[in-house]
Amino acid sequence: FFQQEGAKRAYNGQWVRDEFRGKGELWVLDESVDEVRRAKPYTILRYQGNFNVSEGQFQRPPNFMKLELEKHASIIKAYFPTRPAQLRQPPSGLALDARPPGSSSLVA
């Protein structure tokens, strides 16, 4: 059972990588039928048959949770472009703290 767009639905069938795939049945639960008919009158309430994931013209994006720095260097470079680190110094004449070391700004 799961909720999708405010309607409770159920699926019974085959799965591949957490997706409906193969033979199965998908339906809107009875308690949500009236809401779905009102909000989206052309929605299919029950489907039984084959499910497949559209492959399309684009590849699936990589799973960034499993990246390894050395092994996936090209993917990291493509999806997370970075600039080389540069040591940045404040402009001349601009001091971050003009107080001598060890002095305190607290007044006793």
PDB file of N, CA and C in Angstrom:
ATOM      1  N   PHE A   1       0.850  -1.186   0.000  1.00  0.00           N
ATOM      2  CA  PHE A   1       0.000   0.000   0.000  1.00  0.00           C
ATOM      3  C   PHE A   1       0.886   1.236   0.000  1.00  0.00           C
ATOM      4  N   PHE A   2       0.461   2.272  -0.694  1.00  0.00           N
ATOM      5  CA  PHE A   2       1.200   3.529  -0.706  1.00  0.00           C
ATOM      6  C   PHE A   2       0.235   4.651  -1.057  1.00  0.00           C
ATOM      7  N   GLN A   3       0.694   5.875  -0.827  1.00  0.00           N
ATOM      8  CA  GLN A   3      -0.137   7.034  -1.146  1.00  0.00           C
ATOM      9  C   GLN A   3       0.525   7.790  -2.284  1.00  0.00           C
ATOM     10  N   GLN A   4      -0.263   8.151  -3.281  1.00  0.00           N
ATOM     11  CA  GLN A   4       0.244   8.871  -4.437  1.00  0.00           C
ATOM     12  C   GLN A   4      -0.765   9.940  -4.820  1.00  0.00           C
ATOM     13  N   GLU A   5      -0.324  11.178  -4.850  1.00  0.00           N
ATOM     14  CA  GLU A   5      -1.185  12.312  -5.208  1.00  0.00           C
ATOM     15  C   GLU A   5      -2.460  12.334  -4.375  1.00  0.00           C
ATOM     16  N   GLY A   6      -2.339  12.066  -3.097  1.00  0.00           N
ATOM     17  CA  GLY A   6      -3.481  12.146  -2.200  1.00  0.00           C
ATOM     18  C   GLY A   6      -4.414  10.949  -2.212  1.00  0.00           C
ATOM     19  N   ALA A   7      -4.135   9.949  -3.042  1.00  0.00           N
ATOM     20  CA  ALA A   7      -4.998   8.763  -3.111  1.00  0.00           C
ATOM     21  C   ALA A   7      -4.221   7.545  -2.626  1.00  0.00           C
ATOM     22  N   LYS A   8      -4.908   6.689  -1.896  1.00  0.00           N
ATOM     23  CA  LYS A   8      -4.276   5.460  -1.422  1.00  0.00           C
ATOM     24  C   LYS A   8      -4.388   4.407  -2.504  1.00  0.00           C
ATOM     25  N   ARG A   9      -3.255   3.789  -2.815  1.00  0.00           N
ATOM     26  CA  ARG A   9      -3.189   2.792  -3.871  1.00  0.00           C
ATOM     27  C   ARG A   9      -2.492   1.538  -3.355  1.00  0.00           C
ATOM     28  N   ALA A  10      -2.638   0.466  -4.096  1.00  0.00           N
ATOM     29  CA  ALA A  10      -1.980  -0.790  -3.736  1.00  0.00           C
ATOM     30  C   ALA A  10      -1.445  -1.439  -5.000  1.00  0.00           C
ATOM     31  N   TYR A  11      -0.383  -2.216  -4.832  1.00  0.00           N
ATOM     32  CA  TYR A  11       0.209  -2.953  -5.944  1.00  0.00           C
ATOM     33  C   TYR A  11       0.531  -4.356  -5.467  1.00  0.00           C
ATOM     34  N   ASN A  12       0.231  -5.320  -6.300  1.00  0.00           N
ATOM     35  CA  ASN A  12       0.575  -6.699  -6.008  1.00  0.00           C
ATOM     36  C   ASN A  12       1.163  -7.278  -7.283  1.00  0.00           C
ATOM     37  N   GLY A  13       2.412  -7.683  -7.228  1.00  0.00           N
ATOM     38  CA  GLY A  13       3.033  -8.250  -8.416  1.00  0.00           C
ATOM     39  C   GLY A  13       4.535  -8.270  -8.303  1.00  0.00           C
ATOM     40  N   GLN A  14       5.188  -8.315  -9.445  1.00  0.00           N
ATOM     41  CA  GLN A  14       6.634  -8.426  -9.509  1.00  0.00           C
ATOM     42  C   GLN A  14       7.297  -7.059  -9.378  1.00  0.00           C
ATOM     43  N   TRP A  15       8.514  -7.086  -8.836  1.00  0.00           N
ATOM     44  CA  TRP A  15       9.296  -5.859  -8.627  1.00  0.00           C
ATOM     45  C   TRP A  15      10.688  -6.038  -9.211  1.00  0.00           C
ATOM     46  N   VAL A  16      11.262  -4.961  -9.683  1.00  0.00           N
ATOM     47  CA  VAL A  16      12.675  -4.916 -10.053  1.00  0.00           C
ATOM     48  C   VAL A  16      13.192  -3.568  -9.596  1.00  0.00           C
ATOM     49  N   ARG A  17      14.194  -3.590  -8.722  1.00  0.00           N
ATOM     50  CA  ARG A  17      14.789  -2.357  -8.189  1.00  0.00           C
ATOM     51  C   ARG A  17      13.739  -1.374  -7.692  1.00  0.00           C
ATOM     52  N   ASP A  18      12.858  -1.804  -6.850  1.00  0.00           N
ATOM     53  CA  ASP A  18      11.820  -0.961  -6.240  1.00  0.00           C
ATOM     54  C   ASP A  18      10.873  -0.332  -7.257  1.00  0.00           C
ATOM     55  N   GLU A  19      10.694  -0.961  -8.412  1.00  0.00           N
ATOM     56  CA  GLU A  19       9.759  -0.452  -9.414  1.00  0.00           C
ATOM     57  C   GLU A  19       8.833  -1.591  -9.835  1.00  0.00           C
ATOM     58  N   PHE A  20       7.612  -1.218 -10.215  1.00  0.00           N
ATOM     59  CA  PHE A  20       6.678  -2.213 -10.729  1.00  0.00           C
ATOM     60  C   PHE A  20       7.254  -2.723 -12.050  1.00  0.00           C
ATOM     61  N   ARG A  21       7.438  -4.030 -12.148  1.00  0.00           N
ATOM     62  CA  ARG A  21       7.968  -4.586 -13.389  1.00  0.00           C
ATOM     63  C   ARG A  21       7.544  -6.035 -13.497  1.00  0.00           C
ATOM     64  N   GLY A  22       7.010  -6.397 -14.625  1.00  0.00           N
ATOM     65  CA  GLY A  22       6.520  -7.758 -14.820  1.00  0.00           C
ATOM     66  C   GLY A  22       5.004  -7.781 -14.669  1.00  0.00           C
ATOM     67  N   LYS A  23       4.465  -8.934 -14.325  1.00  0.00           N
ATOM     68  CA  LYS A  23       3.007  -9.055 -14.156  1.00  0.00           C
ATOM     69  C   LYS A  23       2.606  -8.528 -12.794  1.00  0.00           C
ATOM     70  N   GLY A  24       1.493  -7.820 -12.767  1.00  0.00           N
ATOM     71  CA  GLY A  24       1.024  -7.293 -11.494  1.00  0.00           C
ATOM     72  C   GLY A  24      -0.326  -6.623 -11.624  1.00  0.00           C
ATOM     73  N   GLU A  25      -0.777  -6.090 -10.506  1.00  0.00           N
ATOM     74  CA  GLU A  25      -2.056  -5.395 -10.450  1.00  0.00           C
ATOM     75  C   GLU A  25      -1.889  -4.143  -9.598  1.00  0.00           C
ATOM     76  N   LEU A  26      -2.361  -3.024 -10.102  1.00  0.00           N
ATOM     77  CA  LEU A  26      -2.309  -1.743  -9.403  1.00  0.00           C
ATOM     78  C   LEU A  26      -3.725  -1.209  -9.305  1.00  0.00           C
ATOM     79  N   TRP A  27      -4.128  -0.801  -8.104  1.00  0.00           N
ATOM     80  CA  TRP A  27      -5.488  -0.302  -7.946  1.00  0.00           C
ATOM     81  C   TRP A  27      -5.555   0.790  -6.885  1.00  0.00           C
ATOM     82  N   VAL A  28      -6.610   1.597  -7.004  1.00  0.00           N
ATOM     83  CA  VAL A  28      -6.930   2.621  -6.005  1.00  0.00           C
ATOM     84  C   VAL A  28      -7.778   1.951  -4.931  1.00  0.00           C
ATOM     85  N   LEU A  29      -7.431   2.161  -3.666  1.00  0.00           N
ATOM     86  CA  LEU A  29      -8.204   1.559  -2.579  1.00  0.00           C
ATOM     87  C   LEU A  29      -9.614   2.148  -2.544  1.00  0.00           C
ATOM     88  N   ASP A  30     -10.560   1.350  -2.097  1.00  0.00           N
ATOM     89  CA  ASP A  30     -11.969   1.760  -2.063  1.00  0.00           C
ATOM     90  C   ASP A  30     -12.174   3.087  -1.337  1.00  0.00           C
ATOM     91  N   GLU A  31     -11.415   3.315  -0.271  1.00  0.00           N
ATOM     92  CA  GLU A  31     -11.588   4.544   0.504  1.00  0.00           C
ATOM     93  C   GLU A  31     -11.151   5.806  -0.250  1.00  0.00           C
ATOM     94  N   SER A  32     -10.419   5.640  -1.355  1.00  0.00           N
ATOM     95  CA  SER A  32      -9.961   6.791  -2.136  1.00  0.00           C
ATOM     96  C   SER A  32     -10.635   6.931  -3.490  1.00  0.00           C
ATOM     97  N   VAL A  33     -11.487   5.990  -3.863  1.00  0.00           N
ATOM     98  CA  VAL A  33     -12.105   5.995  -5.197  1.00  0.00           C
ATOM     99  C   VAL A  33     -12.902   7.275  -5.450  1.00  0.00           C
ATOM    100  N   ASP A  34     -13.732   7.696  -4.507  1.00  0.00           N
ATOM    101  CA  ASP A  34     -14.554   8.893  -4.720  1.00  0.00           C
ATOM    102  C   ASP A  34     -13.691  10.136  -4.915  1.00  0.00           C
ATOM    103  N   GLU A  35     -12.631  10.256  -4.132  1.00  0.00           N
ATOM    104  CA  GLU A  35     -11.733  11.412  -4.246  1.00  0.00           C
ATOM    105  C   GLU A  35     -11.047  11.435  -5.607  1.00  0.00           C
ATOM    106  N   VAL A  36     -10.576  10.274  -6.070  1.00  0.00           N
ATOM    107  CA  VAL A  36      -9.903  10.204  -7.371  1.00  0.00           C
ATOM    108  C   VAL A  36     -10.885  10.519  -8.490  1.00  0.00           C
ATOM    109  N   ARG A  37     -12.094   9.999  -8.415  1.00  0.00           N
ATOM    110  CA  ARG A  37     -13.101  10.283  -9.455  1.00  0.00           C
ATOM    111  C   ARG A  37     -13.449  11.757  -9.508  1.00  0.00           C
ATOM    112  N   ARG A  38     -13.470  12.412  -8.355  1.00  0.00           N
ATOM    113  CA  ARG A  38     -13.785  13.833  -8.315  1.00  0.00           C
ATOM    114  C   ARG A  38     -12.607  14.676  -8.838  1.00  0.00           C
ATOM    115  N   ALA A  39     -11.401  14.389  -8.359  1.00  0.00           N
ATOM    116  CA  ALA A  39     -10.234  15.198  -8.708  1.00  0.00           C
ATOM    117  C   ALA A  39      -9.701  14.908 -10.108  1.00  0.00           C
ATOM    118  N   LYS A  40      -9.710  13.638 -10.503  1.00  0.00           N
ATOM    119  CA  LYS A  40      -9.177  13.236 -11.809  1.00  0.00           C
ATOM    120  C   LYS A  40     -10.102  12.199 -12.418  1.00  0.00           C
ATOM    121  N   PRO A  41     -11.166  12.633 -13.042  1.00  0.00           N
ATOM    122  CA  PRO A  41     -12.199  11.700 -13.508  1.00  0.00           C
ATOM    123  C   PRO A  41     -11.744  10.695 -14.567  1.00  0.00           C
ATOM    124  N   TYR A  42     -10.625  10.928 -15.243  1.00  0.00           N
ATOM    125  CA  TYR A  42     -10.188  10.017 -16.299  1.00  0.00           C
ATOM    126  C   TYR A  42      -9.092   9.062 -15.834  1.00  0.00           C
ATOM    127  N   THR A  43      -8.877   8.977 -14.543  1.00  0.00           N
ATOM    128  CA  THR A  43      -7.850   8.104 -13.990  1.00  0.00           C
ATOM    129  C   THR A  43      -8.304   6.648 -14.026  1.00  0.00           C
ATOM    130  N   ILE A  44      -7.388   5.768 -14.376  1.00  0.00           N
ATOM    131  CA  ILE A  44      -7.663   4.330 -14.334  1.00  0.00           C
ATOM    132  C   ILE A  44      -7.627   3.905 -12.871  1.00  0.00           C
ATOM    133  N   LEU A  45      -8.677   3.265 -12.401  1.00  0.00           N
ATOM    134  CA  LEU A  45      -8.768   2.883 -10.995  1.00  0.00           C
ATOM    135  C   LEU A  45      -8.168   1.507 -10.732  1.00  0.00           C
ATOM    136  N   ARG A  46      -8.125   0.651 -11.727  1.00  0.00           N
ATOM    137  CA  ARG A  46      -7.556  -0.690 -11.542  1.00  0.00           C
ATOM    138  C   ARG A  46      -6.913  -1.111 -12.855  1.00  0.00           C
ATOM    139  N   TYR A  47      -5.672  -1.588 -12.759  1.00  0.00           N
ATOM    140  CA  TYR A  47      -4.982  -2.100 -13.937  1.00  0.00           C
ATOM    141  C   TYR A  47      -4.353  -3.432 -13.566  1.00  0.00           C
ATOM    142  N   GLN A  48      -4.563  -4.420 -14.419  1.00  0.00           N
ATOM    143  CA  GLN A  48      -3.956  -5.729 -14.221  1.00  0.00           C
ATOM    144  C   GLN A  48      -3.286  -6.117 -15.523  1.00  0.00           C
ATOM    145  N   GLY A  49      -2.014  -6.428 -15.449  1.00  0.00           N
ATOM    146  CA  GLY A  49      -1.290  -6.789 -16.664  1.00  0.00           C
ATOM    147  C   GLY A  49       0.205  -6.666 -16.473  1.00  0.00           C
ATOM    148  N   ASN A  50       0.886  -6.306 -17.545  1.00  0.00           N
ATOM    149  CA  ASN A  50       2.345  -6.197 -17.522  1.00  0.00           C
ATOM    150  C   ASN A  50       2.784  -4.772 -17.248  1.00  0.00           C
ATOM    151  N   PHE A  51       3.786  -4.661 -16.413  1.00  0.00           N
ATOM    152  CA  PHE A  51       4.395  -3.374 -16.109  1.00  0.00           C
ATOM    153  C   PHE A  51       5.827  -3.417 -16.610  1.00  0.00           C
ATOM    154  N   ASN A  52       6.294  -2.307 -17.113  1.00  0.00           N
ATOM    155  CA  ASN A  52       7.673  -2.204 -17.548  1.00  0.00           C
ATOM    156  C   ASN A  52       8.110  -0.766 -17.360  1.00  0.00           C
ATOM    157  N   VAL A  53       9.381  -0.574 -17.146  1.00  0.00           N
ATOM    158  CA  VAL A  53       9.921   0.765 -16.970  1.00  0.00           C
ATOM    159  C   VAL A  53      10.340   1.290 -18.324  1.00  0.00           C
ATOM    160  N   SER A  54       9.934   2.496 -18.627  1.00  0.00           N
ATOM    161  CA  SER A  54      10.314   3.108 -19.889  1.00  0.00           C
ATOM    162  C   SER A  54      11.815   3.348 -19.900  1.00  0.00           C
ATOM    163  N   GLU A  55      12.469   2.883 -20.935  1.00  0.00           N
ATOM    164  CA  GLU A  55      13.911   3.058 -21.024  1.00  0.00           C
ATOM    165  C   GLU A  55      14.254   4.436 -21.579  1.00  0.00           C
ATOM    166  N   GLY A  56      13.481   4.926 -22.528  1.00  0.00           N
ATOM    167  CA  GLY A  56      13.699   6.259 -23.069  1.00  0.00           C
ATOM    168  C   GLY A  56      15.042   6.408 -23.756  1.00  0.00           C
ATOM    169  N   GLN A  57      15.363   7.638 -24.092  1.00  0.00           N
ATOM    170  CA  GLN A  57      16.614   7.884 -24.790  1.00  0.00           C
ATOM    171  C   GLN A  57      17.741   8.240 -23.831  1.00  0.00           C
ATOM    172  N   PHE A  58      17.442   8.441 -22.561  1.00  0.00           N
ATOM    173  CA  PHE A  58      18.456   8.836 -21.593  1.00  0.00           C
ATOM    174  C   PHE A  58      18.769   7.678 -20.652  1.00  0.00           C
ATOM    175  N   GLN A  59      20.013   7.582 -20.252  1.00  0.00           N
ATOM    176  CA  GLN A  59      20.406   6.556 -19.302  1.00  0.00           C
ATOM    177  C   GLN A  59      19.933   6.940 -17.909  1.00  0.00           C
ATOM    178  N   ARG A  60      19.796   5.935 -17.042  1.00  0.00           N
ATOM    179  CA  ARG A  60      19.453   6.212 -15.647  1.00  0.00           C
ATOM    180  C   ARG A  60      20.586   7.004 -15.011  1.00  0.00           C
ATOM    181  N   PRO A  61      20.254   7.966 -14.161  1.00  0.00           N
ATOM    182  CA  PRO A  61      21.330   8.706 -13.491  1.00  0.00           C
ATOM    183  C   PRO A  61      22.061   7.790 -12.515  1.00  0.00           C
ATOM    184  N   PRO A  62      23.331   8.076 -12.289  1.00  0.00           N
ATOM    185  CA  PRO A  62      24.076   7.224 -11.355  1.00  0.00           C
ATOM    186  C   PRO A  62      23.579   7.402  -9.919  1.00  0.00           C
ATOM    187  N   ASN A  63      23.777   6.389  -9.110  1.00  0.00           N
ATOM    188  CA  ASN A  63      23.415   6.453  -7.703  1.00  0.00           C
ATOM    189  C   ASN A  63      24.581   7.098  -6.958  1.00  0.00           C
ATOM    190  N   PHE A  64      24.426   8.367  -6.600  1.00  0.00           N
ATOM    191  CA  PHE A  64      25.515   9.113  -5.984  1.00  0.00           C
ATOM    192  C   PHE A  64      25.831   8.652  -4.564  1.00  0.00           C
ATOM    193  N   MET A  65      24.964   7.845  -3.974  1.00  0.00           N
ATOM    194  CA  MET A  65      25.217   7.355  -2.621  1.00  0.00           C
ATOM    195  C   MET A  65      26.331   6.300  -2.607  1.00  0.00           C
ATOM    196  N   LYS A  66      26.654   5.746  -3.769  1.00  0.00           N
ATOM    197  CA  LYS A  66      27.642   4.670  -3.826  1.00  0.00           C
ATOM    198  C   LYS A  66      28.927   5.085  -4.545  1.00  0.00           C
ATOM    199  N   LEU A  67      29.184   6.364  -4.658  1.00  0.00           N
ATOM    200  CA  LEU A  67      30.380   6.821  -5.362  1.00  0.00           C
ATOM    201  C   LEU A  67      31.639   6.576  -4.539  1.00  0.00           C
ATOM    202  N   GLU A  68      32.701   6.198  -5.235  1.00  0.00           N
ATOM    203  CA  GLU A  68      34.021   6.068  -4.628  1.00  0.00           C
ATOM    204  C   GLU A  68      34.933   7.028  -5.375  1.00  0.00           C
ATOM    205  N   LEU A  69      35.710   7.816  -4.640  1.00  0.00           N
ATOM    206  CA  LEU A  69      36.493   8.903  -5.219  1.00  0.00           C
ATOM    207  C   LEU A  69      37.380   8.445  -6.377  1.00  0.00           C
ATOM    208  N   GLU A  70      38.163   7.416  -6.188  1.00  0.00           N
ATOM    209  CA  GLU A  70      39.087   6.976  -7.242  1.00  0.00           C
ATOM    210  C   GLU A  70      38.353   6.237  -8.367  1.00  0.00           C
ATOM    211  N   LYS A  71      37.448   5.359  -8.001  1.00  0.00           N
ATOM    212  CA  LYS A  71      36.763   4.512  -8.979  1.00  0.00           C
ATOM    213  C   LYS A  71      35.835   5.314  -9.889  1.00  0.00           C
ATOM    214  N   HIS A  72      35.199   6.361  -9.366  1.00  0.00           N
ATOM    215  CA  HIS A  72      34.209   7.129 -10.121  1.00  0.00           C
ATOM    216  C   HIS A  72      34.669   8.563 -10.395  1.00  0.00           C
ATOM    217  N   ALA A  73      35.941   8.752 -10.589  1.00  0.00           N
ATOM    218  CA  ALA A  73      36.483  10.103 -10.787  1.00  0.00           C
ATOM    219  C   ALA A  73      35.828  10.822 -11.971  1.00  0.00           C
ATOM    220  N   SER A  74      35.573  10.103 -13.064  1.00  0.00           N
ATOM    221  CA  SER A  74      34.983  10.768 -14.243  1.00  0.00           C
ATOM    222  C   SER A  74      33.539  11.208 -13.967  1.00  0.00           C
ATOM    223  N   ILE A  75      32.780  10.397 -13.227  1.00  0.00           N
ATOM    224  CA  ILE A  75      31.400  10.770 -12.890  1.00  0.00           C
ATOM    225  C   ILE A  75      31.394  11.962 -11.944  1.00  0.00           C
ATOM    226  N   ILE A  76      32.283  11.942 -10.971  1.00  0.00           N
ATOM    227  CA  ILE A  76      32.361  13.061 -10.021  1.00  0.00           C
ATOM    228  C   ILE A  76      32.715  14.342 -10.757  1.00  0.00           C
ATOM    229  N   LYS A  77      33.650  14.253 -11.685  1.00  0.00           N
ATOM    230  CA  LYS A  77      34.047  15.445 -12.450  1.00  0.00           C
ATOM    231  C   LYS A  77      32.889  15.948 -13.311  1.00  0.00           C
ATOM    232  N   ALA A  78      32.115  15.026 -13.901  1.00  0.00           N
ATOM    233  CA  ALA A  78      31.010  15.419 -14.776  1.00  0.00           C
ATOM    234  C   ALA A  78      29.834  16.019 -14.008  1.00  0.00           C
ATOM    235  N   TYR A  79      29.495  15.450 -12.853  1.00  0.00           N
ATOM    236  CA  TYR A  79      28.309  15.885 -12.123  1.00  0.00           C
ATOM    237  C   TYR A  79      28.595  16.883 -11.004  1.00  0.00           C
ATOM    238  N   PHE A  80      29.841  16.950 -10.552  1.00  0.00           N
ATOM    239  CA  PHE A  80      30.208  17.862  -9.470  1.00  0.00           C
ATOM    240  C   PHE A  80      31.448  18.649  -9.858  1.00  0.00           C
ATOM    241  N   PRO A  81      31.356  19.485 -10.897  1.00  0.00           N
ATOM    242  CA  PRO A  81      32.550  20.227 -11.312  1.00  0.00           C
ATOM    243  C   PRO A  81      32.999  21.179 -10.206  1.00  0.00           C
ATOM    244  N   THR A  82      34.290  21.236 -10.009  1.00  0.00           N
ATOM    245  CA  THR A  82      34.853  22.127  -8.984  1.00  0.00           C
ATOM    246  C   THR A  82      36.036  22.874  -9.564  1.00  0.00           C
ATOM    247  N   ARG A  83      36.368  23.971  -8.923  1.00  0.00           N
ATOM    248  CA  ARG A  83      37.562  24.720  -9.301  1.00  0.00           C
ATOM    249  C   ARG A  83      38.688  24.306  -8.371  1.00  0.00           C
ATOM    250  N   PRO A  84      39.918  24.429  -8.830  1.00  0.00           N
ATOM    251  CA  PRO A  84      41.034  24.132  -7.933  1.00  0.00           C
ATOM    252  C   PRO A  84      41.003  25.085  -6.738  1.00  0.00           C
ATOM    253  N   ALA A  85      41.370  24.588  -5.587  1.00  0.00           N
ATOM    254  CA  ALA A  85      41.394  25.416  -4.380  1.00  0.00           C
ATOM    255  C   ALA A  85      42.487  26.467  -4.503  1.00  0.00           C
ATOM    256  N   GLN A  86      42.187  27.680  -4.109  1.00  0.00           N
ATOM    257  CA  GLN A  86      43.160  28.770  -4.135  1.00  0.00           C
ATOM    258  C   GLN A  86      43.224  29.390  -2.756  1.00  0.00           C
ATOM    259  N   LEU A  87      44.438  29.723  -2.334  1.00  0.00           N
ATOM    260  CA  LEU A  87      44.607  30.391  -1.060  1.00  0.00           C
ATOM    261  C   LEU A  87      44.179  31.837  -1.248  1.00  0.00           C
ATOM    262  N   ARG A  88      43.196  32.244  -0.523  1.00  0.00           N
ATOM    263  CA  ARG A  88      42.682  33.608  -0.663  1.00  0.00           C
ATOM    264  C   ARG A  88      43.141  34.443   0.515  1.00  0.00           C
ATOM    265  N   GLN A  89      43.677  35.614   0.221  1.00  0.00           N
ATOM    266  CA  GLN A  89      44.124  36.529   1.263  1.00  0.00           C
ATOM    267  C   GLN A  89      43.285  37.791   1.191  1.00  0.00           C
ATOM    268  N   PRO A  90      43.017  38.397   2.353  1.00  0.00           N
ATOM    269  CA  PRO A  90      42.232  39.631   2.326  1.00  0.00           C
ATOM    270  C   PRO A  90      42.979  40.723   1.587  1.00  0.00           C
ATOM    271  N   PRO A  91      42.258  41.661   0.976  1.00  0.00           N
ATOM    272  CA  PRO A  91      42.916  42.777   0.278  1.00  0.00           C
ATOM    273  C   PRO A  91      43.844  43.523   1.231  1.00  0.00           C
ATOM    274  N   SER A  92      44.928  44.081   0.683  1.00  0.00           N
ATOM    275  CA  SER A  92      45.885  44.800   1.528  1.00  0.00           C
ATOM    276  C   SER A  92      45.203  45.986   2.199  1.00  0.00           C
ATOM    277  N   GLY A  93      45.597  46.236   3.428  1.00  0.00           N
ATOM    278  CA  GLY A  93      45.024  47.346   4.179  1.00  0.00           C
ATOM    279  C   GLY A  93      43.762  46.959   4.928  1.00  0.00           C
ATOM    280  N   LEU A  94      43.229  45.770   4.699  1.00  0.00           N
ATOM    281  CA  LEU A  94      42.015  45.333   5.384  1.00  0.00           C
ATOM    282  C   LEU A  94      42.411  44.267   6.396  1.00  0.00           C
ATOM    283  N   ALA A  95      42.290  44.592   7.639  1.00  0.00           N
ATOM    284  CA  ALA A  95      42.646  43.643   8.692  1.00  0.00           C
ATOM    285  C   ALA A  95      41.368  43.051   9.251  1.00  0.00           C
ATOM    286  N   LEU A  96      41.388  41.762   9.493  1.00  0.00           N
ATOM    287  CA  LEU A  96      40.225  41.124  10.068  1.00  0.00           C
ATOM    288  C   LEU A  96      40.047  41.506  11.532  1.00  0.00           C
ATOM    289  N   ASP A  97      41.159  41.647  12.250  1.00  0.00           N
ATOM    290  CA  ASP A  97      41.110  42.016  13.664  1.00  0.00           C
ATOM    291  C   ASP A  97      42.356  42.827  13.955  1.00  0.00           C
ATOM    292  N   ALA A  98      42.189  44.094  14.229  1.00  0.00           N
ATOM    293  CA  ALA A  98      43.332  44.993  14.417  1.00  0.00           C
ATOM    294  C   ALA A  98      43.897  44.935  15.823  1.00  0.00           C
ATOM    295  N   ARG A  99      43.297  44.185  16.736  1.00  0.00           N
ATOM    296  CA  ARG A  99      43.802  44.111  18.097  1.00  0.00           C
ATOM    297  C   ARG A  99      45.058  43.251  18.151  1.00  0.00           C
ATOM    298  N   PRO A 100      45.983  43.584  19.015  1.00  0.00           N
ATOM    299  CA  PRO A 100      47.178  42.753  19.149  1.00  0.00           C
ATOM    300  C   PRO A 100      46.791  41.394  19.735  1.00  0.00           C
ATOM    301  N   PRO A 101      47.534  40.350  19.404  1.00  0.00           N
ATOM    302  CA  PRO A 101      47.236  39.022  19.940  1.00  0.00           C
ATOM    303  C   PRO A 101      47.231  39.039  21.470  1.00  0.00           C
ATOM    304  N   GLY A 102      46.287  38.331  22.054  1.00  0.00           N
ATOM    305  CA  GLY A 102      46.178  38.219  23.507  1.00  0.00           C
ATOM    306  C   GLY A 102      45.309  39.283  24.140  1.00  0.00           C
ATOM    307  N   SER A 103      44.943  40.319  23.407  1.00  0.00           N
ATOM    308  CA  SER A 103      44.085  41.352  23.985  1.00  0.00           C
ATOM    309  C   SER A 103      42.625  40.925  23.897  1.00  0.00           C
ATOM    310  N   SER A 104      41.803  41.471  24.729  1.00  0.00           N
ATOM    311  CA  SER A 104      40.409  41.106  24.756  1.00  0.00           C
ATOM    312  C   SER A 104      39.553  42.340  24.503  1.00  0.00           C
ATOM    313  N   SER A 105      38.397  42.128  23.881  1.00  0.00           N
ATOM    314  CA  SER A 105      37.517  43.261  23.630  1.00  0.00           C
ATOM    315  C   SER A 105      36.535  43.450  24.778  1.00  0.00           C
ATOM    316  N   LEU A 106      36.591  42.564  25.758  1.00  0.00           N
ATOM    317  CA  LEU A 106      35.688  42.683  26.890  1.00  0.00           C
ATOM    318  C   LEU A 106      36.158  43.788  27.832  1.00  0.00           C
ATOM    319  N   VAL A 107      35.244  44.615  28.284  1.00  0.00           N
ATOM    320  CA  VAL A 107      35.566  45.678  29.205  1.00  0.00           C
ATOM    321  C   VAL A 107      35.212  45.193  30.597  1.00  0.00           C
ATOM    322  N   ALA A 108      36.174  45.351  31.540  1.00  0.00           N
ATOM    323  CA  ALA A 108      35.930  44.889  32.909  1.00  0.00           C
ATOM    324  C   ALA A 108      35.266  45.944  33.736  1.00  0.00           C
TER     325      ALA A 108
END
